Amino acid sequence: MFSSDANAVNFKTVSPPVLMPQEYFKVKVSGSVQVALPLAHVETVLQLNPQLICPIPGVSPGLLGVVNRRGTLTWVVDLSHFLELAPLTIEPGKNLTAIVIAQSSFNPTSISGNSTTIACAIETLEGVFTPQKVKPIRRPLKSRLRDLLHQVAYQEKAGIAILDPIVLLRTLQSDVAPGN
């Protein structure tokens, strides 16, 4: 006969993984307009001398040009212009603040070998925060913005649109592709 111990199956209770709340970097884009960027996609913050930005003819006016960062060319985009707001004011003799976002903080190059980082020129940095809740945007947006801004992060009672960095990078890659 079988012993009851020999046929016993021990099941361990496995707890589901604990998901850490995602942190966001809040930036002021234009006037009172703020957006949040997932902190995992923020590579660094730069102070750029506008004279070091090399303009590229034939691209969207929101693309200010490229800068050389450690031997790699990085596109600089006026984020306010890209989000269809008033363009950023570039004052002579004053550096631009730019937040460099990457496809992933762990893999800053794409499959094609092209850089998938972009320096987004902004007005000011507002800091890092962890939202109490994140909800989908329910208001209708312009078609270009619909994919870029599809969630709102709530900090206290204020809602801040979350900019999807992957969609931004894909959109910008198509804007600078030959023939566009």
C-alpha atoms as a PDB file:
ATOM      1  CA  MET A   1       0.000   0.000   0.000  1.00  0.00           C
ATOM      2  CA  PHE A   2       0.990   3.561  -0.500  1.00  0.00           C
ATOM      3  CA  SER A   3       2.021   5.727   2.343  1.00  0.00           C
ATOM      4  CA  SER A   4       0.058   8.941   2.540  1.00  0.00           C
ATOM      5  CA  ASP A   5       3.334  10.872   2.757  1.00  0.00           C
ATOM      6  CA  ALA A   6       4.635   9.370  -0.497  1.00  0.00           C
ATOM      7  CA  ASN A   7       1.631  10.625  -2.460  1.00  0.00           C
ATOM      8  CA  ALA A   8       1.427  14.014  -0.802  1.00  0.00           C
ATOM      9  CA  VAL A   9       2.071  16.961  -3.024  1.00  0.00           C
ATOM     10  CA  ASN A  10       3.397  20.035  -1.336  1.00  0.00           C
ATOM     11  CA  PHE A  11       2.273  23.289  -2.844  1.00  0.00           C
ATOM     12  CA  LYS A  12       4.140  26.384  -1.864  1.00  0.00           C
ATOM     13  CA  THR A  13       2.195  29.558  -1.793  1.00  0.00           C
ATOM     14  CA  VAL A  14       3.857  31.960  -4.180  1.00  0.00           C
ATOM     15  CA  SER A  15       3.168  35.620  -3.711  1.00  0.00           C
ATOM     16  CA  PRO A  16       2.690  37.670  -6.866  1.00  0.00           C
ATOM     17  CA  PRO A  17       5.604  39.980  -7.618  1.00  0.00           C
ATOM     18  CA  VAL A  18       5.353  43.355  -5.971  1.00  0.00           C
ATOM     19  CA  LEU A  19       5.161  46.028  -8.643  1.00  0.00           C
ATOM     20  CA  MET A  20       7.031  49.154  -7.741  1.00  0.00           C
ATOM     21  CA  PRO A  21       5.144  52.315  -8.571  1.00  0.00           C
ATOM     22  CA  GLN A  22       6.572  53.986 -11.640  1.00  0.00           C
ATOM     23  CA  GLU A  23       8.284  57.328 -11.121  1.00  0.00           C
ATOM     24  CA  TYR A  24       8.018  60.218 -13.557  1.00  0.00           C
ATOM     25  CA  PHE A  25      10.079  63.289 -14.350  1.00  0.00           C
ATOM     26  CA  LYS A  26       7.831  66.348 -14.575  1.00  0.00           C
ATOM     27  CA  VAL A  27       8.901  69.122 -16.966  1.00  0.00           C
ATOM     28  CA  LYS A  28       7.409  72.441 -17.977  1.00  0.00           C
ATOM     29  CA  VAL A  29       7.123  72.505 -21.749  1.00  0.00           C
ATOM     30  CA  SER A  30       5.577  75.886 -22.522  1.00  0.00           C
ATOM     31  CA  GLY A  31       3.882  78.452 -20.309  1.00  0.00           C
ATOM     32  CA  SER A  32       1.930  76.489 -17.729  1.00  0.00           C
ATOM     33  CA  VAL A  33       1.882  73.233 -19.741  1.00  0.00           C
ATOM     34  CA  GLN A  34       3.634  70.327 -18.023  1.00  0.00           C
ATOM     35  CA  VAL A  35       4.204  66.737 -19.103  1.00  0.00           C
ATOM     36  CA  ALA A  36       5.530  63.703 -17.267  1.00  0.00           C
ATOM     37  CA  LEU A  37       8.160  61.376 -18.700  1.00  0.00           C
ATOM     38  CA  PRO A  38       8.705  57.865 -17.305  1.00  0.00           C
ATOM     39  CA  LEU A  39      11.906  58.106 -15.286  1.00  0.00           C
ATOM     40  CA  ALA A  40      13.115  54.776 -16.715  1.00  0.00           C
ATOM     41  CA  HIS A  41      13.467  56.525 -20.109  1.00  0.00           C
ATOM     42  CA  VAL A  42      15.298  59.620 -18.868  1.00  0.00           C
ATOM     43  CA  GLU A  43      18.997  59.275 -19.631  1.00  0.00           C
ATOM     44  CA  THR A  44      20.257  62.670 -18.472  1.00  0.00           C
ATOM     45  CA  VAL A  45      19.586  66.400 -18.384  1.00  0.00           C
ATOM     46  CA  LEU A  46      21.711  68.775 -20.457  1.00  0.00           C
ATOM     47  CA  GLN A  47      22.429  72.464 -20.545  1.00  0.00           C
ATOM     48  CA  LEU A  48      23.012  73.165 -24.255  1.00  0.00           C
ATOM     49  CA  ASN A  49      24.644  76.172 -25.818  1.00  0.00           C
ATOM     50  CA  PRO A  50      22.313  76.902 -28.782  1.00  0.00           C
ATOM     51  CA  GLN A  51      25.352  77.779 -30.928  1.00  0.00           C
ATOM     52  CA  LEU A  52      26.505  74.161 -30.647  1.00  0.00           C
ATOM     53  CA  ILE A  53      23.268  72.845 -32.196  1.00  0.00           C
ATOM     54  CA  CYS A  54      23.890  72.156 -35.869  1.00  0.00           C
ATOM     55  CA  PRO A  55      20.692  72.829 -37.854  1.00  0.00           C
ATOM     56  CA  ILE A  56      19.749  70.277 -40.506  1.00  0.00           C
ATOM     57  CA  PRO A  57      18.020  71.662 -43.621  1.00  0.00           C
ATOM     58  CA  GLY A  58      14.787  70.108 -44.831  1.00  0.00           C
ATOM     59  CA  VAL A  59      13.493  68.740 -41.524  1.00  0.00           C
ATOM     60  CA  SER A  60      10.496  69.735 -39.428  1.00  0.00           C
ATOM     61  CA  PRO A  61      10.881  73.163 -37.763  1.00  0.00           C
ATOM     62  CA  GLY A  62      10.460  71.480 -34.372  1.00  0.00           C
ATOM     63  CA  LEU A  63      13.747  69.657 -34.939  1.00  0.00           C
ATOM     64  CA  LEU A  64      16.345  72.217 -33.948  1.00  0.00           C
ATOM     65  CA  GLY A  65      19.287  70.150 -35.228  1.00  0.00           C
ATOM     66  CA  VAL A  66      21.899  67.818 -33.790  1.00  0.00           C
ATOM     67  CA  VAL A  67      24.556  68.065 -31.088  1.00  0.00           C
ATOM     68  CA  ASN A  68      27.664  65.983 -30.602  1.00  0.00           C
ATOM     69  CA  ARG A  69      27.421  64.109 -27.299  1.00  0.00           C
ATOM     70  CA  ARG A  70      30.486  62.001 -26.553  1.00  0.00           C
ATOM     71  CA  GLY A  71      31.051  61.362 -30.249  1.00  0.00           C
ATOM     72  CA  THR A  72      27.403  60.541 -31.021  1.00  0.00           C
ATOM     73  CA  LEU A  73      25.037  62.872 -32.839  1.00  0.00           C
ATOM     74  CA  THR A  74      21.836  63.459 -30.870  1.00  0.00           C
ATOM     75  CA  TRP A  75      18.775  65.158 -32.304  1.00  0.00           C
ATOM     76  CA  VAL A  76      17.492  68.178 -30.384  1.00  0.00           C
ATOM     77  CA  VAL A  77      13.742  68.741 -30.589  1.00  0.00           C
ATOM     78  CA  ASP A  78      11.707  71.701 -29.378  1.00  0.00           C
ATOM     79  CA  LEU A  79       9.218  69.665 -27.360  1.00  0.00           C
ATOM     80  CA  SER A  80       6.700  72.524 -27.144  1.00  0.00           C
ATOM     81  CA  HIS A  81       6.657  72.912 -30.933  1.00  0.00           C
ATOM     82  CA  PHE A  82       6.359  69.152 -31.376  1.00  0.00           C
ATOM     83  CA  LEU A  83       3.347  69.119 -29.020  1.00  0.00           C
ATOM     84  CA  GLU A  84       1.770  71.886 -31.134  1.00  0.00           C
ATOM     85  CA  LEU A  85       2.306  74.617 -28.540  1.00  0.00           C
ATOM     86  CA  ALA A  86       4.103  77.945 -28.975  1.00  0.00           C
ATOM     87  CA  PRO A  87       7.748  77.327 -29.928  1.00  0.00           C
ATOM     88  CA  LEU A  88      10.397  77.622 -27.233  1.00  0.00           C
ATOM     89  CA  THR A  89      12.045  81.029 -26.983  1.00  0.00           C
ATOM     90  CA  ILE A  90      15.787  80.758 -27.516  1.00  0.00           C
ATOM     91  CA  GLU A  91      17.468  83.724 -25.842  1.00  0.00           C
ATOM     92  CA  PRO A  92      20.911  84.785 -27.100  1.00  0.00           C
ATOM     93  CA  GLY A  93      23.692  83.888 -24.674  1.00  0.00           C
ATOM     94  CA  LYS A  94      21.449  81.616 -22.604  1.00  0.00           C
ATOM     95  CA  ASN A  95      21.715  77.806 -22.528  1.00  0.00           C
ATOM     96  CA  LEU A  96      18.781  75.563 -23.349  1.00  0.00           C
ATOM     97  CA  THR A  97      17.647  72.950 -20.851  1.00  0.00           C
ATOM     98  CA  ALA A  98      17.108  69.592 -22.516  1.00  0.00           C
ATOM     99  CA  ILE A  99      16.049  66.273 -21.098  1.00  0.00           C
ATOM    100  CA  VAL A 100      17.531  63.315 -22.966  1.00  0.00           C
ATOM    101  CA  ILE A 101      15.137  60.447 -23.350  1.00  0.00           C
ATOM    102  CA  ALA A 102      16.036  57.005 -24.598  1.00  0.00           C
ATOM    103  CA  GLN A 103      14.077  54.030 -25.878  1.00  0.00           C
ATOM    104  CA  SER A 104      15.213  52.291 -22.705  1.00  0.00           C
ATOM    105  CA  SER A 105      17.622  53.312 -20.004  1.00  0.00           C
ATOM    106  CA  PHE A 106      19.284  49.921 -20.496  1.00  0.00           C
ATOM    107  CA  ASN A 107      19.499  49.886 -24.318  1.00  0.00           C
ATOM    108  CA  PRO A 108      20.221  53.333 -25.767  1.00  0.00           C
ATOM    109  CA  THR A 109      20.719  52.073 -29.343  1.00  0.00           C
ATOM    110  CA  SER A 110      18.192  50.678 -31.716  1.00  0.00           C
ATOM    111  CA  ILE A 111      18.346  47.476 -33.749  1.00  0.00           C
ATOM    112  CA  SER A 112      19.419  49.464 -36.806  1.00  0.00           C
ATOM    113  CA  GLY A 113      22.387  50.894 -34.905  1.00  0.00           C
ATOM    114  CA  ASN A 114      21.030  54.437 -35.037  1.00  0.00           C
ATOM    115  CA  SER A 115      20.836  56.385 -31.834  1.00  0.00           C
ATOM    116  CA  THR A 116      17.436  56.209 -30.222  1.00  0.00           C
ATOM    117  CA  THR A 117      18.043  59.048 -27.838  1.00  0.00           C
ATOM    118  CA  ILE A 118      16.642  62.505 -28.316  1.00  0.00           C
ATOM    119  CA  ALA A 119      17.307  65.716 -26.426  1.00  0.00           C
ATOM    120  CA  CYS A 120      13.996  67.477 -25.761  1.00  0.00           C
ATOM    121  CA  ALA A 121      14.417  71.217 -25.211  1.00  0.00           C
ATOM    122  CA  ILE A 122      12.065  72.383 -22.450  1.00  0.00           C
ATOM    123  CA  GLU A 123      11.445  75.476 -20.322  1.00  0.00           C
ATOM    124  CA  THR A 124      12.216  74.071 -16.878  1.00  0.00           C
ATOM    125  CA  LEU A 125      12.630  70.910 -14.854  1.00  0.00           C
ATOM    126  CA  GLU A 126       9.972  70.355 -12.207  1.00  0.00           C
ATOM    127  CA  GLY A 127      11.342  67.217 -10.521  1.00  0.00           C
ATOM    128  CA  VAL A 128      10.633  63.540  -9.958  1.00  0.00           C
ATOM    129  CA  PHE A 129       7.345  62.294  -8.528  1.00  0.00           C
ATOM    130  CA  THR A 130       5.402  59.097  -7.943  1.00  0.00           C
ATOM    131  CA  PRO A 131       1.741  59.559  -8.859  1.00  0.00           C
ATOM    132  CA  GLN A 132      -1.050  58.406  -6.581  1.00  0.00           C
ATOM    133  CA  LYS A 133      -2.888  57.091  -9.632  1.00  0.00           C
ATOM    134  CA  VAL A 134      -2.626  56.908 -13.416  1.00  0.00           C
ATOM    135  CA  LYS A 135      -5.708  57.011 -15.637  1.00  0.00           C
ATOM    136  CA  PRO A 136      -6.337  57.047 -19.391  1.00  0.00           C
ATOM    137  CA  ILE A 137      -6.969  60.415 -21.039  1.00  0.00           C
ATOM    138  CA  ARG A 138     -10.664  60.584 -21.864  1.00  0.00           C
ATOM    139  CA  ARG A 139     -10.684  63.941 -23.663  1.00  0.00           C
ATOM    140  CA  PRO A 140     -10.373  63.952 -27.441  1.00  0.00           C
ATOM    141  CA  LEU A 141      -6.930  64.998 -28.651  1.00  0.00           C
ATOM    142  CA  LYS A 142      -5.551  65.976 -32.034  1.00  0.00           C
ATOM    143  CA  SER A 143      -4.581  62.879 -34.020  1.00  0.00           C
ATOM    144  CA  ARG A 144      -0.826  63.553 -33.762  1.00  0.00           C
ATOM    145  CA  LEU A 145      -1.059  63.833 -29.960  1.00  0.00           C
ATOM    146  CA  ARG A 146      -3.437  60.920 -29.342  1.00  0.00           C
ATOM    147  CA  ASP A 147      -0.711  58.244 -29.285  1.00  0.00           C
ATOM    148  CA  LEU A 148       1.846  60.443 -27.548  1.00  0.00           C
ATOM    149  CA  LEU A 149      -0.374  61.414 -24.631  1.00  0.00           C
ATOM    150  CA  HIS A 150      -2.729  58.621 -23.637  1.00  0.00           C
ATOM    151  CA  GLN A 151      -2.466  58.641 -19.831  1.00  0.00           C
ATOM    152  CA  VAL A 152      -2.616  61.161 -16.984  1.00  0.00           C
ATOM    153  CA  ALA A 153      -0.583  60.862 -13.786  1.00  0.00           C
ATOM    154  CA  TYR A 154      -2.216  62.428 -10.736  1.00  0.00           C
ATOM    155  CA  GLN A 155      -0.082  64.172  -8.157  1.00  0.00           C
ATOM    156  CA  GLU A 156      -2.338  65.409  -5.373  1.00  0.00           C
ATOM    157  CA  LYS A 157      -5.314  66.734  -7.370  1.00  0.00           C
ATOM    158  CA  ALA A 158      -3.352  67.895 -10.418  1.00  0.00           C
ATOM    159  CA  GLY A 159      -3.313  65.743 -13.545  1.00  0.00           C
ATOM    160  CA  ILE A 160      -0.187  65.728 -15.711  1.00  0.00           C
ATOM    161  CA  ALA A 161      -0.211  64.149 -19.166  1.00  0.00           C
ATOM    162  CA  ILE A 162       2.317  61.329 -19.575  1.00  0.00           C
ATOM    163  CA  LEU A 163       4.378  61.586 -22.743  1.00  0.00           C
ATOM    164  CA  ASP A 164       5.057  58.154 -24.235  1.00  0.00           C
ATOM    165  CA  PRO A 165       8.801  58.227 -25.062  1.00  0.00           C
ATOM    166  CA  ILE A 166       8.694  55.186 -27.362  1.00  0.00           C
ATOM    167  CA  VAL A 167       5.989  56.754 -29.543  1.00  0.00           C
ATOM    168  CA  LEU A 168       7.888  60.087 -29.517  1.00  0.00           C
ATOM    169  CA  LEU A 169      11.077  58.397 -30.700  1.00  0.00           C
ATOM    170  CA  ARG A 170       9.236  56.465 -33.451  1.00  0.00           C
ATOM    171  CA  THR A 171       7.454  59.610 -34.620  1.00  0.00           C
ATOM    172  CA  LEU A 172      10.669  61.594 -34.732  1.00  0.00           C
ATOM    173  CA  GLN A 173      12.478  58.796 -36.585  1.00  0.00           C
ATOM    174  CA  SER A 174       9.772  58.908 -39.259  1.00  0.00           C
ATOM    175  CA  ASP A 175       9.987  62.738 -39.387  1.00  0.00           C
ATOM    176  CA  VAL A 176      13.713  62.604 -40.189  1.00  0.00           C
ATOM    177  CA  ALA A 177      13.610  59.558 -42.484  1.00  0.00           C
ATOM    178  CA  PRO A 178      14.684  60.231 -46.076  1.00  0.00           C
ATOM    179  CA  GLY A 179      11.807  61.375 -48.258  1.00  0.00           C
ATOM    180  CA  ASN A 180       9.800  63.038 -45.438  1.00  0.00           C
END
